[in-house]
Amino acid sequence: MAKGPFMPIKSCRLSCTAQLVAQSTTLAALSIAGIGGAVFAAPQPPQTWLPGLSAAKPGSAQASPSGSSALLPAGTANVSSTLQGSVEMTVKSALIGLNSMGEALHKLKHAASELYAECSRQIPDLVEEPEIIGGVVVQIPVSFNLSQCLPPRKKWVDYYMSELSQLIPLVQGEISGIVIPPDKQDLVAPVFTQIGQSMDVIQARYQILVGLSQSAPYDGQAIGLECQKIDNEVKRLEEARKTAFHLIKEKGK
């Protein structure tokens, strides 16, 4: 065997292999531990991806928008899906609450319009046909004069006042029960401020009606005016309700 500074070919190959193995081990350790606080993903087996799917299986590598990959801890996809489902349920709950508010407002409007109708009964003309009763909510006009109408009857004034006394707290309860998603609260806050103001007006108008309906004979014109003011606020509440519904629905998509 020749002597000299050169290592035999077989020994050289073994030494190089050992060095490469050592370098690979060092790089693998660095890829997991990171350098300077940056975490780099260790090499992963090739993945087969389906077009249109961006979520990776738990524990697999997912391509980031920049083209690099990052390890997703097991269960990450499930947590994301659960959070998304929770947000959707909160939005749907708010929309259901707004629908319930609308149903209560319809009943409140009906009670106020019926009390107005009791105060606006006319003396029938001898040539008139019988009135069609029921099925249609009486629309309170913008201006009216009830001084020449038939006097309101106590039994019906008491009945509709009893309805109002129950319906106003029910409407307030429906409003208070609406849970707005946290990320929508700033968006709809002005709408609910308006809703609160309208409810304050309705409460005040109702208290005036309580005084006007204590005993007969009743001032039909004054009662009719208070019913009109309640009706106007119900219309504002309905518009605000629709606005809140669309804001939450559109942002919830």
C-alpha atoms as a PDB file:
ATOM      1  CA  MET A   1       0.000   0.000   0.000  1.00  0.00           C
ATOM      2  CA  ALA A   2       1.402   3.391  -0.973  1.00  0.00           C
ATOM      3  CA  LYS A   3       2.169   5.824   1.803  1.00  0.00           C
ATOM      4  CA  GLY A   4       1.523   9.533   1.574  1.00  0.00           C
ATOM      5  CA  PRO A   5      -0.743  12.365   2.666  1.00  0.00           C
ATOM      6  CA  PHE A   6      -3.787  10.940   0.846  1.00  0.00           C
ATOM      7  CA  MET A   7      -6.388   8.781   2.629  1.00  0.00           C
ATOM      8  CA  PRO A   8      -7.390   5.573   0.952  1.00  0.00           C
ATOM      9  CA  ILE A   9     -10.568   5.872  -1.217  1.00  0.00           C
ATOM     10  CA  LYS A  10     -12.607   3.524   1.011  1.00  0.00           C
ATOM     11  CA  SER A  11     -11.604   5.383   4.199  1.00  0.00           C
ATOM     12  CA  CYS A  12     -12.339   8.710   2.514  1.00  0.00           C
ATOM     13  CA  ARG A  13     -15.845   7.592   1.586  1.00  0.00           C
ATOM     14  CA  LEU A  14     -16.555   6.451   5.127  1.00  0.00           C
ATOM     15  CA  SER A  15     -15.259   9.716   6.585  1.00  0.00           C
ATOM     16  CA  CYS A  16     -17.333  11.825   4.179  1.00  0.00           C
ATOM     17  CA  THR A  17     -20.417   9.801   4.930  1.00  0.00           C
ATOM     18  CA  ALA A  18     -19.895  10.284   8.649  1.00  0.00           C
ATOM     19  CA  GLN A  19     -19.511  14.031   8.171  1.00  0.00           C
ATOM     20  CA  LEU A  20     -22.673  14.239   6.076  1.00  0.00           C
ATOM     21  CA  VAL A  21     -24.629  12.290   8.680  1.00  0.00           C
ATOM     22  CA  ALA A  22     -23.361  14.606  11.416  1.00  0.00           C
ATOM     23  CA  GLN A  23     -24.277  17.700   9.374  1.00  0.00           C
ATOM     24  CA  SER A  24     -27.755  16.321   8.629  1.00  0.00           C
ATOM     25  CA  THR A  25     -28.306  15.615  12.310  1.00  0.00           C
ATOM     26  CA  THR A  26     -27.238  19.150  13.188  1.00  0.00           C
ATOM     27  CA  LEU A  27     -29.551  20.690  10.535  1.00  0.00           C
ATOM     28  CA  ALA A  28     -32.477  18.590  11.684  1.00  0.00           C
ATOM     29  CA  ALA A  29     -31.940  19.740  15.256  1.00  0.00           C
ATOM     30  CA  LEU A  30     -31.760  23.368  14.118  1.00  0.00           C
ATOM     31  CA  SER A  31     -34.895  23.012  12.001  1.00  0.00           C
ATOM     32  CA  ILE A  32     -36.864  21.988  15.113  1.00  0.00           C
ATOM     33  CA  ALA A  33     -35.241  24.231  17.735  1.00  0.00           C
ATOM     34  CA  GLY A  34     -35.128  27.322  15.510  1.00  0.00           C
ATOM     35  CA  ILE A  35     -32.590  30.013  15.004  1.00  0.00           C
ATOM     36  CA  GLY A  36     -32.885  33.410  16.600  1.00  0.00           C
ATOM     37  CA  GLY A  37     -36.461  32.689  17.764  1.00  0.00           C
ATOM     38  CA  ALA A  38     -37.793  31.829  14.312  1.00  0.00           C
ATOM     39  CA  VAL A  39     -39.376  28.421  14.045  1.00  0.00           C
ATOM     40  CA  PHE A  40     -38.852  26.496  10.858  1.00  0.00           C
ATOM     41  CA  ALA A  41     -40.816  23.422  10.012  1.00  0.00           C
ATOM     42  CA  ALA A  42     -38.955  20.148   9.784  1.00  0.00           C
ATOM     43  CA  PRO A  43     -39.125  18.452   6.363  1.00  0.00           C
ATOM     44  CA  GLN A  44     -42.444  16.693   5.848  1.00  0.00           C
ATOM     45  CA  PRO A  45     -43.476  13.852   3.559  1.00  0.00           C
ATOM     46  CA  PRO A  46     -45.113  14.923   0.285  1.00  0.00           C
ATOM     47  CA  GLN A  47     -48.829  15.737   0.690  1.00  0.00           C
ATOM     48  CA  THR A  48     -51.639  15.278  -1.788  1.00  0.00           C
ATOM     49  CA  TRP A  49     -53.934  18.334  -1.776  1.00  0.00           C
ATOM     50  CA  LEU A  50     -57.400  18.673  -3.230  1.00  0.00           C
ATOM     51  CA  PRO A  51     -58.194  21.870  -5.182  1.00  0.00           C
ATOM     52  CA  GLY A  52     -60.141  24.428  -3.183  1.00  0.00           C
ATOM     53  CA  LEU A  53     -59.243  23.038   0.250  1.00  0.00           C
ATOM     54  CA  SER A  54     -57.035  25.216   2.410  1.00  0.00           C
ATOM     55  CA  ALA A  55     -57.339  23.507   5.776  1.00  0.00           C
ATOM     56  CA  ALA A  56     -54.797  20.822   6.587  1.00  0.00           C
ATOM     57  CA  LYS A  57     -55.412  17.666   8.558  1.00  0.00           C
ATOM     58  CA  PRO A  58     -54.488  17.914  12.251  1.00  0.00           C
ATOM     59  CA  GLY A  59     -50.750  17.487  12.674  1.00  0.00           C
ATOM     60  CA  SER A  60     -49.934  17.896   8.959  1.00  0.00           C
ATOM     61  CA  ALA A  61     -48.162  20.722   7.131  1.00  0.00           C
ATOM     62  CA  GLN A  62     -50.295  23.477   5.595  1.00  0.00           C
ATOM     63  CA  ALA A  63     -49.043  25.849   2.954  1.00  0.00           C
ATOM     64  CA  SER A  64     -49.144  29.470   4.100  1.00  0.00           C
ATOM     65  CA  PRO A  65     -49.973  32.401   1.768  1.00  0.00           C
ATOM     66  CA  SER A  66     -46.263  33.138   1.438  1.00  0.00           C
ATOM     67  CA  GLY A  67     -45.569  29.636   0.196  1.00  0.00           C
ATOM     68  CA  SER A  68     -43.807  28.478   3.381  1.00  0.00           C
ATOM     69  CA  SER A  69     -45.202  25.708   5.549  1.00  0.00           C
ATOM     70  CA  ALA A  70     -45.993  25.604   9.253  1.00  0.00           C
ATOM     71  CA  LEU A  71     -46.915  22.771  11.547  1.00  0.00           C
ATOM     72  CA  LEU A  72     -50.535  22.803  12.765  1.00  0.00           C
ATOM     73  CA  PRO A  73     -51.012  21.247  16.199  1.00  0.00           C
ATOM     74  CA  ALA A  74     -53.455  18.383  16.357  1.00  0.00           C
ATOM     75  CA  GLY A  75     -57.036  19.652  16.661  1.00  0.00           C
ATOM     76  CA  THR A  76     -56.404  23.113  15.145  1.00  0.00           C
ATOM     77  CA  ALA A  77     -58.881  22.559  12.299  1.00  0.00           C
ATOM     78  CA  ASN A  78     -61.507  21.312  14.739  1.00  0.00           C
ATOM     79  CA  VAL A  79     -61.077  24.364  16.985  1.00  0.00           C
ATOM     80  CA  SER A  80     -61.417  26.720  14.003  1.00  0.00           C
ATOM     81  CA  SER A  81     -64.545  24.920  12.858  1.00  0.00           C
ATOM     82  CA  THR A  82     -66.022  25.062  16.373  1.00  0.00           C
ATOM     83  CA  LEU A  83     -65.356  28.807  16.675  1.00  0.00           C
ATOM     84  CA  GLN A  84     -66.926  29.456  13.274  1.00  0.00           C
ATOM     85  CA  GLY A  85     -69.977  27.450  14.269  1.00  0.00           C
ATOM     86  CA  SER A  86     -70.256  29.367  17.538  1.00  0.00           C
ATOM     87  CA  VAL A  87     -70.202  32.715  15.707  1.00  0.00           C
ATOM     88  CA  GLU A  88     -72.894  31.553  13.291  1.00  0.00           C
ATOM     89  CA  MET A  89     -75.095  30.366  16.159  1.00  0.00           C
ATOM     90  CA  THR A  90     -74.719  33.736  17.930  1.00  0.00           C
ATOM     91  CA  VAL A  91     -75.735  35.584  14.762  1.00  0.00           C
ATOM     92  CA  LYS A  92     -78.736  33.308  14.249  1.00  0.00           C
ATOM     93  CA  SER A  93     -79.756  33.772  17.885  1.00  0.00           C
ATOM     94  CA  ALA A  94     -79.722  37.565  17.427  1.00  0.00           C
ATOM     95  CA  LEU A  95     -81.824  37.308  14.262  1.00  0.00           C
ATOM     96  CA  ILE A  96     -84.352  35.064  16.019  1.00  0.00           C
ATOM     97  CA  GLY A  97     -84.568  37.617  18.851  1.00  0.00           C
ATOM     98  CA  LEU A  98     -85.192  40.435  16.371  1.00  0.00           C
ATOM     99  CA  ASN A  99     -87.968  38.413  14.728  1.00  0.00           C
ATOM    100  CA  SER A 100     -89.570  37.843  18.126  1.00  0.00           C
ATOM    101  CA  MET A 101     -89.366  41.578  18.753  1.00  0.00           C
ATOM    102  CA  GLY A 102     -91.207  42.162  15.471  1.00  0.00           C
ATOM    103  CA  GLU A 103     -94.017  39.801  16.475  1.00  0.00           C
ATOM    104  CA  ALA A 104     -94.471  41.626  19.782  1.00  0.00           C
ATOM    105  CA  LEU A 105     -94.462  45.015  18.033  1.00  0.00           C
ATOM    106  CA  HIS A 106     -97.239  43.850  15.705  1.00  0.00           C
ATOM    107  CA  LYS A 107     -99.407  42.960  18.696  1.00  0.00           C
ATOM    108  CA  LEU A 108     -98.651  46.289  20.380  1.00  0.00           C
ATOM    109  CA  LYS A 109     -99.575  48.192  17.224  1.00  0.00           C
ATOM    110  CA  HIS A 110    -102.822  46.231  16.984  1.00  0.00           C
ATOM    111  CA  ALA A 111    -103.801  47.050  20.587  1.00  0.00           C
ATOM    112  CA  ALA A 112    -103.097  50.779  20.132  1.00  0.00           C
ATOM    113  CA  SER A 113    -105.020  50.905  16.856  1.00  0.00           C
ATOM    114  CA  GLU A 114    -107.993  49.082  18.381  1.00  0.00           C
ATOM    115  CA  LEU A 115    -108.155  51.553  21.264  1.00  0.00           C
ATOM    116  CA  TYR A 116    -108.076  54.362  18.702  1.00  0.00           C
ATOM    117  CA  ALA A 117    -110.861  52.632  16.745  1.00  0.00           C
ATOM    118  CA  GLU A 118    -112.994  52.489  19.889  1.00  0.00           C
ATOM    119  CA  CYS A 119    -112.681  56.259  20.169  1.00  0.00           C
ATOM    120  CA  SER A 120    -113.412  56.886  16.468  1.00  0.00           C
ATOM    121  CA  ARG A 121    -116.714  55.051  16.012  1.00  0.00           C
ATOM    122  CA  GLN A 122    -119.121  56.904  13.802  1.00  0.00           C
ATOM    123  CA  ILE A 123    -122.885  57.089  13.923  1.00  0.00           C
ATOM    124  CA  PRO A 124    -123.922  54.845  11.019  1.00  0.00           C
ATOM    125  CA  ASP A 125    -125.787  56.330   8.081  1.00  0.00           C
ATOM    126  CA  LEU A 126    -129.095  54.720   7.293  1.00  0.00           C
ATOM    127  CA  VAL A 127    -127.939  53.854   3.763  1.00  0.00           C
ATOM    128  CA  GLU A 128    -124.582  52.360   4.760  1.00  0.00           C
ATOM    129  CA  GLU A 129    -123.760  48.673   4.512  1.00  0.00           C
ATOM    130  CA  PRO A 130    -122.616  46.796   7.637  1.00  0.00           C
ATOM    131  CA  GLU A 131    -118.923  47.334   8.467  1.00  0.00           C
ATOM    132  CA  ILE A 132    -116.434  44.555   7.761  1.00  0.00           C
ATOM    133  CA  ILE A 133    -115.058  43.694  11.193  1.00  0.00           C
ATOM    134  CA  GLY A 134    -111.722  42.042  11.936  1.00  0.00           C
ATOM    135  CA  GLY A 135    -108.806  40.827   9.808  1.00  0.00           C
ATOM    136  CA  VAL A 136    -107.318  44.283   9.178  1.00  0.00           C
ATOM    137  CA  VAL A 137    -105.286  46.428  11.563  1.00  0.00           C
ATOM    138  CA  VAL A 138    -106.841  49.883  11.809  1.00  0.00           C
ATOM    139  CA  GLN A 139    -104.503  52.519  10.391  1.00  0.00           C
ATOM    140  CA  ILE A 140    -104.411  55.629  12.576  1.00  0.00           C
ATOM    141  CA  PRO A 141    -104.487  58.733  10.348  1.00  0.00           C
ATOM    142  CA  VAL A 142    -102.011  61.591  10.616  1.00  0.00           C
ATOM    143  CA  SER A 143    -104.713  64.049  11.678  1.00  0.00           C
ATOM    144  CA  PHE A 144    -108.245  63.499  12.920  1.00  0.00           C
ATOM    145  CA  ASN A 145    -111.129  65.002  14.869  1.00  0.00           C
ATOM    146  CA  LEU A 146    -112.989  62.604  17.128  1.00  0.00           C
ATOM    147  CA  SER A 147    -115.167  65.169  18.853  1.00  0.00           C
ATOM    148  CA  GLN A 148    -118.255  64.077  16.931  1.00  0.00           C
ATOM    149  CA  CYS A 149    -117.662  60.351  17.385  1.00  0.00           C
ATOM    150  CA  LEU A 150    -119.567  57.994  19.625  1.00  0.00           C
ATOM    151  CA  PRO A 151    -118.267  57.979  23.214  1.00  0.00           C
ATOM    152  CA  PRO A 152    -115.718  55.241  24.003  1.00  0.00           C
ATOM    153  CA  ARG A 153    -117.228  52.330  25.934  1.00  0.00           C
ATOM    154  CA  LYS A 154    -115.698  51.517  29.297  1.00  0.00           C
ATOM    155  CA  LYS A 155    -115.530  47.745  28.810  1.00  0.00           C
ATOM    156  CA  TRP A 156    -113.499  48.112  25.623  1.00  0.00           C
ATOM    157  CA  VAL A 157    -111.307  50.910  26.936  1.00  0.00           C
ATOM    158  CA  ASP A 158    -110.481  48.713  29.937  1.00  0.00           C
ATOM    159  CA  TYR A 159    -109.850  45.729  27.661  1.00  0.00           C
ATOM    160  CA  TYR A 160    -107.409  47.481  25.334  1.00  0.00           C
ATOM    161  CA  MET A 161    -105.682  49.267  28.213  1.00  0.00           C
ATOM    162  CA  SER A 162    -105.170  45.855  29.808  1.00  0.00           C
ATOM    163  CA  GLU A 163    -103.604  44.623  26.553  1.00  0.00           C
ATOM    164  CA  LEU A 164    -101.273  47.604  26.410  1.00  0.00           C
ATOM    165  CA  SER A 165    -100.249  47.143  30.034  1.00  0.00           C
ATOM    166  CA  GLN A 166     -99.132  43.588  29.239  1.00  0.00           C
ATOM    167  CA  LEU A 167     -97.703  44.116  25.768  1.00  0.00           C
ATOM    168  CA  ILE A 168     -95.349  47.011  26.538  1.00  0.00           C
ATOM    169  CA  PRO A 169     -93.311  44.986  29.088  1.00  0.00           C
ATOM    170  CA  LEU A 170     -93.367  42.009  26.709  1.00  0.00           C
ATOM    171  CA  VAL A 171     -91.895  44.134  23.910  1.00  0.00           C
ATOM    172  CA  GLN A 172     -89.247  45.456  26.316  1.00  0.00           C
ATOM    173  CA  GLY A 173     -88.458  41.898  27.376  1.00  0.00           C
ATOM    174  CA  GLU A 174     -87.984  40.783  23.770  1.00  0.00           C
ATOM    175  CA  ILE A 175     -85.607  43.685  23.169  1.00  0.00           C
ATOM    176  CA  SER A 176     -83.639  43.019  26.357  1.00  0.00           C
ATOM    177  CA  GLY A 177     -83.335  39.335  25.424  1.00  0.00           C
ATOM    178  CA  ILE A 178     -81.540  40.023  22.130  1.00  0.00           C
ATOM    179  CA  VAL A 179     -77.865  39.023  22.406  1.00  0.00           C
ATOM    180  CA  ILE A 180     -75.746  40.912  19.891  1.00  0.00           C
ATOM    181  CA  PRO A 181     -72.541  39.179  18.707  1.00  0.00           C
ATOM    182  CA  PRO A 182     -69.505  40.953  20.244  1.00  0.00           C
ATOM    183  CA  ASP A 183     -68.070  41.938  16.867  1.00  0.00           C
ATOM    184  CA  LYS A 184     -71.385  43.552  15.826  1.00  0.00           C
ATOM    185  CA  GLN A 185     -72.071  45.585  18.969  1.00  0.00           C
ATOM    186  CA  ASP A 186     -70.390  48.798  17.814  1.00  0.00           C
ATOM    187  CA  LEU A 187     -72.099  48.466  14.431  1.00  0.00           C
ATOM    188  CA  VAL A 188     -75.651  48.277  15.804  1.00  0.00           C
ATOM    189  CA  ALA A 189     -75.198  50.382  18.975  1.00  0.00           C
ATOM    190  CA  PRO A 190     -76.755  53.543  17.394  1.00  0.00           C
ATOM    191  CA  VAL A 191     -79.774  51.496  16.277  1.00  0.00           C
ATOM    192  CA  PHE A 192     -80.381  50.151  19.770  1.00  0.00           C
ATOM    193  CA  THR A 193     -79.992  53.634  21.216  1.00  0.00           C
ATOM    194  CA  GLN A 194     -82.868  54.685  18.972  1.00  0.00           C
ATOM    195  CA  ILE A 195     -84.858  51.629  20.070  1.00  0.00           C
ATOM    196  CA  GLY A 196     -84.376  52.571  23.716  1.00  0.00           C
ATOM    197  CA  GLN A 197     -85.531  56.130  23.068  1.00  0.00           C
ATOM    198  CA  SER A 198     -88.700  54.925  21.307  1.00  0.00           C
ATOM    199  CA  MET A 199     -89.507  52.592  24.178  1.00  0.00           C
ATOM    200  CA  ASP A 200     -89.153  55.511  26.616  1.00  0.00           C
ATOM    201  CA  VAL A 201     -91.672  57.504  24.566  1.00  0.00           C
ATOM    202  CA  ILE A 202     -94.107  54.561  24.507  1.00  0.00           C
ATOM    203  CA  GLN A 203     -93.836  54.174  28.276  1.00  0.00           C
ATOM    204  CA  ALA A 204     -94.536  57.890  28.766  1.00  0.00           C
ATOM    205  CA  ARG A 205     -97.517  57.851  26.374  1.00  0.00           C
ATOM    206  CA  TYR A 206     -98.955  54.822  28.131  1.00  0.00           C
ATOM    207  CA  GLN A 207     -98.798  56.570  31.505  1.00  0.00           C
ATOM    208  CA  ILE A 208    -100.796  59.453  30.036  1.00  0.00           C
ATOM    209  CA  LEU A 209    -103.348  56.932  28.730  1.00  0.00           C
ATOM    210  CA  VAL A 210    -103.653  55.457  32.222  1.00  0.00           C
ATOM    211  CA  GLY A 211    -104.734  58.850  33.500  1.00  0.00           C
ATOM    212  CA  LEU A 212    -107.161  59.412  30.606  1.00  0.00           C
ATOM    213  CA  SER A 213    -108.832  56.019  31.044  1.00  0.00           C
ATOM    214  CA  GLN A 214    -109.540  56.136  34.771  1.00  0.00           C
ATOM    215  CA  SER A 215    -113.264  56.782  34.483  1.00  0.00           C
ATOM    216  CA  ALA A 216    -116.004  57.620  31.984  1.00  0.00           C
ATOM    217  CA  PRO A 217    -116.859  59.831  30.252  1.00  0.00           C
ATOM    218  CA  TYR A 218    -113.596  59.587  28.332  1.00  0.00           C
ATOM    219  CA  ASP A 219    -111.904  62.219  26.222  1.00  0.00           C
ATOM    220  CA  GLY A 220    -111.842  60.266  22.961  1.00  0.00           C
ATOM    221  CA  GLN A 221    -109.787  62.886  21.124  1.00  0.00           C
ATOM    222  CA  ALA A 222    -107.058  62.872  23.798  1.00  0.00           C
ATOM    223  CA  ILE A 223    -106.972  59.063  23.926  1.00  0.00           C
ATOM    224  CA  GLY A 224    -106.798  58.909  20.135  1.00  0.00           C
ATOM    225  CA  LEU A 225    -103.824  61.303  20.086  1.00  0.00           C
ATOM    226  CA  GLU A 226    -101.892  59.171  22.589  1.00  0.00           C
ATOM    227  CA  CYS A 227    -102.649  56.038  20.572  1.00  0.00           C
ATOM    228  CA  GLN A 228    -101.325  57.833  17.490  1.00  0.00           C
ATOM    229  CA  LYS A 229     -98.071  58.705  19.277  1.00  0.00           C
ATOM    230  CA  ILE A 230     -97.615  55.092  20.380  1.00  0.00           C
ATOM    231  CA  ASP A 231     -98.317  53.947  16.818  1.00  0.00           C
ATOM    232  CA  ASN A 232     -95.676  56.350  15.461  1.00  0.00           C
ATOM    233  CA  GLU A 233     -93.046  54.982  17.854  1.00  0.00           C
ATOM    234  CA  VAL A 234     -93.952  51.403  16.969  1.00  0.00           C
ATOM    235  CA  LYS A 235     -93.286  52.278  13.307  1.00  0.00           C
ATOM    236  CA  ARG A 236     -89.880  53.699  14.270  1.00  0.00           C
ATOM    237  CA  LEU A 237     -89.121  50.567  16.276  1.00  0.00           C
ATOM    238  CA  GLU A 238     -90.020  48.388  13.323  1.00  0.00           C
ATOM    239  CA  GLU A 239     -87.712  50.331  11.009  1.00  0.00           C
ATOM    240  CA  ALA A 240     -84.891  50.133  13.558  1.00  0.00           C
ATOM    241  CA  ARG A 241     -85.496  46.411  13.993  1.00  0.00           C
ATOM    242  CA  LYS A 242     -85.205  45.833  10.236  1.00  0.00           C
ATOM    243  CA  THR A 243     -82.011  47.897  10.110  1.00  0.00           C
ATOM    244  CA  ALA A 244     -80.421  45.887  12.930  1.00  0.00           C
ATOM    245  CA  PHE A 245     -81.511  42.628  11.310  1.00  0.00           C
ATOM    246  CA  HIS A 246     -79.863  43.456   7.978  1.00  0.00           C
ATOM    247  CA  LEU A 247     -76.663  44.772   9.595  1.00  0.00           C
ATOM    248  CA  ILE A 248     -76.185  41.614  11.632  1.00  0.00           C
ATOM    249  CA  LYS A 249     -77.215  39.308   8.805  1.00  0.00           C
ATOM    250  CA  GLU A 250     -74.940  40.874   6.177  1.00  0.00           C
ATOM    251  CA  LYS A 251     -71.909  41.011   8.464  1.00  0.00           C
ATOM    252  CA  GLY A 252     -72.591  37.486   9.647  1.00  0.00           C
ATOM    253  CA  LYS A 253     -72.094  35.923   6.229  1.00  0.00           C
END
